[in-house]
Protein backbone atom coordinates (compact mmCIF):
# COMPACT_ATOMS: atom_id res chain seq x y z
CA MET A 1 -26.01 5.83 8.13
CA ALA A 2 -22.40 4.74 8.83
CA SER A 3 -21.13 1.51 7.41
CA ALA A 4 -19.85 -1.23 9.66
CA ALA A 5 -16.14 -1.82 10.02
CA PRO A 6 -14.85 -4.66 7.86
CA SER A 7 -14.57 -8.00 9.58
CA PRO A 8 -11.11 -9.60 10.00
CA ALA A 9 -12.09 -12.12 7.33
CA ALA A 10 -12.80 -9.29 4.89
CA ALA A 11 -9.42 -7.72 5.65
CA THR A 12 -7.71 -11.05 4.95
CA ALA A 13 -9.60 -11.39 1.68
CA ASN A 14 -8.38 -7.92 0.65
CA LYS A 15 -4.78 -8.91 1.39
CA ALA A 16 -5.21 -12.05 -0.69
CA GLU A 17 -6.81 -9.99 -3.47
CA LEU A 18 -3.86 -7.58 -3.59
CA LEU A 19 -1.41 -10.45 -3.92
CA ALA A 20 -3.60 -12.19 -6.51
CA ILE A 21 -3.74 -9.00 -8.58
CA ALA A 22 0.03 -8.58 -8.38
CA ASP A 23 0.49 -12.25 -9.46
CA ALA A 24 -1.94 -11.92 -12.33
CA VAL A 25 -0.41 -8.73 -13.67
CA ALA A 26 3.11 -10.15 -13.40
CA ARG A 27 2.12 -13.28 -15.29
CA GLU A 28 0.13 -11.39 -17.93
CA LYS A 29 2.91 -8.86 -18.61
CA LEU A 30 5.75 -11.34 -18.11
CA ILE A 31 7.46 -9.19 -15.47
CA ASP A 32 8.74 -9.84 -12.00
CA LYS A 33 6.10 -9.74 -9.24
CA GLY A 34 8.41 -7.47 -7.23
CA ILE A 35 8.16 -4.80 -9.93
CA VAL A 36 4.37 -4.99 -9.81
CA ILE A 37 4.41 -4.73 -6.00
CA GLU A 38 6.65 -1.64 -6.20
CA ALA A 39 4.31 -0.05 -8.76
CA MET A 40 1.34 -0.72 -6.44
CA GLU A 41 3.21 0.83 -3.51
CA ASP A 42 4.08 3.88 -5.62
CA ALA A 43 0.47 4.34 -6.76
CA ILE A 44 -0.83 4.12 -3.19
CA GLN A 45 1.86 6.57 -2.00
CA ARG A 46 0.79 9.08 -4.68
CA ALA A 47 -2.85 8.71 -3.73
CA ALA A 48 -2.07 9.22 -0.04
CA ARG A 49 0.02 12.33 -0.78
CA ALA A 50 -2.82 13.71 -2.91
CA ARG A 51 -5.24 13.07 -0.05
CA TYR A 52 -3.08 14.20 2.89
CA GLY A 53 -0.86 16.80 1.22
CA ALA A 54 2.13 16.56 -1.09
CA GLU A 55 4.34 18.20 1.56
CA ASN A 56 3.98 15.08 3.73
CA ASP A 57 6.56 12.30 3.37
CA ILE A 58 4.20 9.35 3.13
CA ARG A 59 5.57 5.89 2.36
CA ALA A 60 3.71 2.71 1.45
CA LYS A 61 4.91 -0.86 1.96
CA LEU A 62 3.19 -4.04 0.82
CA ASP A 63 4.57 -7.32 2.14
CA PRO A 64 4.75 -9.65 -0.89
CA ASN A 65 4.38 -12.77 1.27
CA THR A 66 1.52 -11.85 3.61
CA GLY A 67 -0.22 -8.98 1.85
CA ASP A 68 0.13 -6.83 4.98
CA PHE A 69 0.12 -3.21 4.02
CA ALA A 70 1.50 -0.16 5.84
CA LEU A 71 1.20 3.56 5.16
CA VAL A 72 3.68 5.60 7.18
CA ALA A 73 3.99 9.36 7.53
CA CYS A 74 7.64 10.24 8.18
CA ALA A 75 8.61 13.40 10.01
CA ARG A 76 11.95 14.96 10.79
CA VAL A 77 12.40 16.08 14.35
CA VAL A 78 14.81 18.94 14.87
CA ARG A 79 16.06 19.98 18.26
CA ARG A 80 16.28 23.73 18.73
CA GLY A 81 18.73 25.40 20.97
């Protein structure tokens, strides 16, 4: 049985959770929240590369204000001829 897609409210809660985790870790370790966000982005990038192939240039970006998250696969296009 397939699970239902998350509701928009659930997606918003996940964004808020990511930011809350980043805040909590930054406060607990006495480091800048930006460093924590960068570490989270790096961890997610590594997981995506493990899942989709290390040869892929996959980049992660977490907006520290909204919690919006993007995973982007970058490709180089070369014109032949």
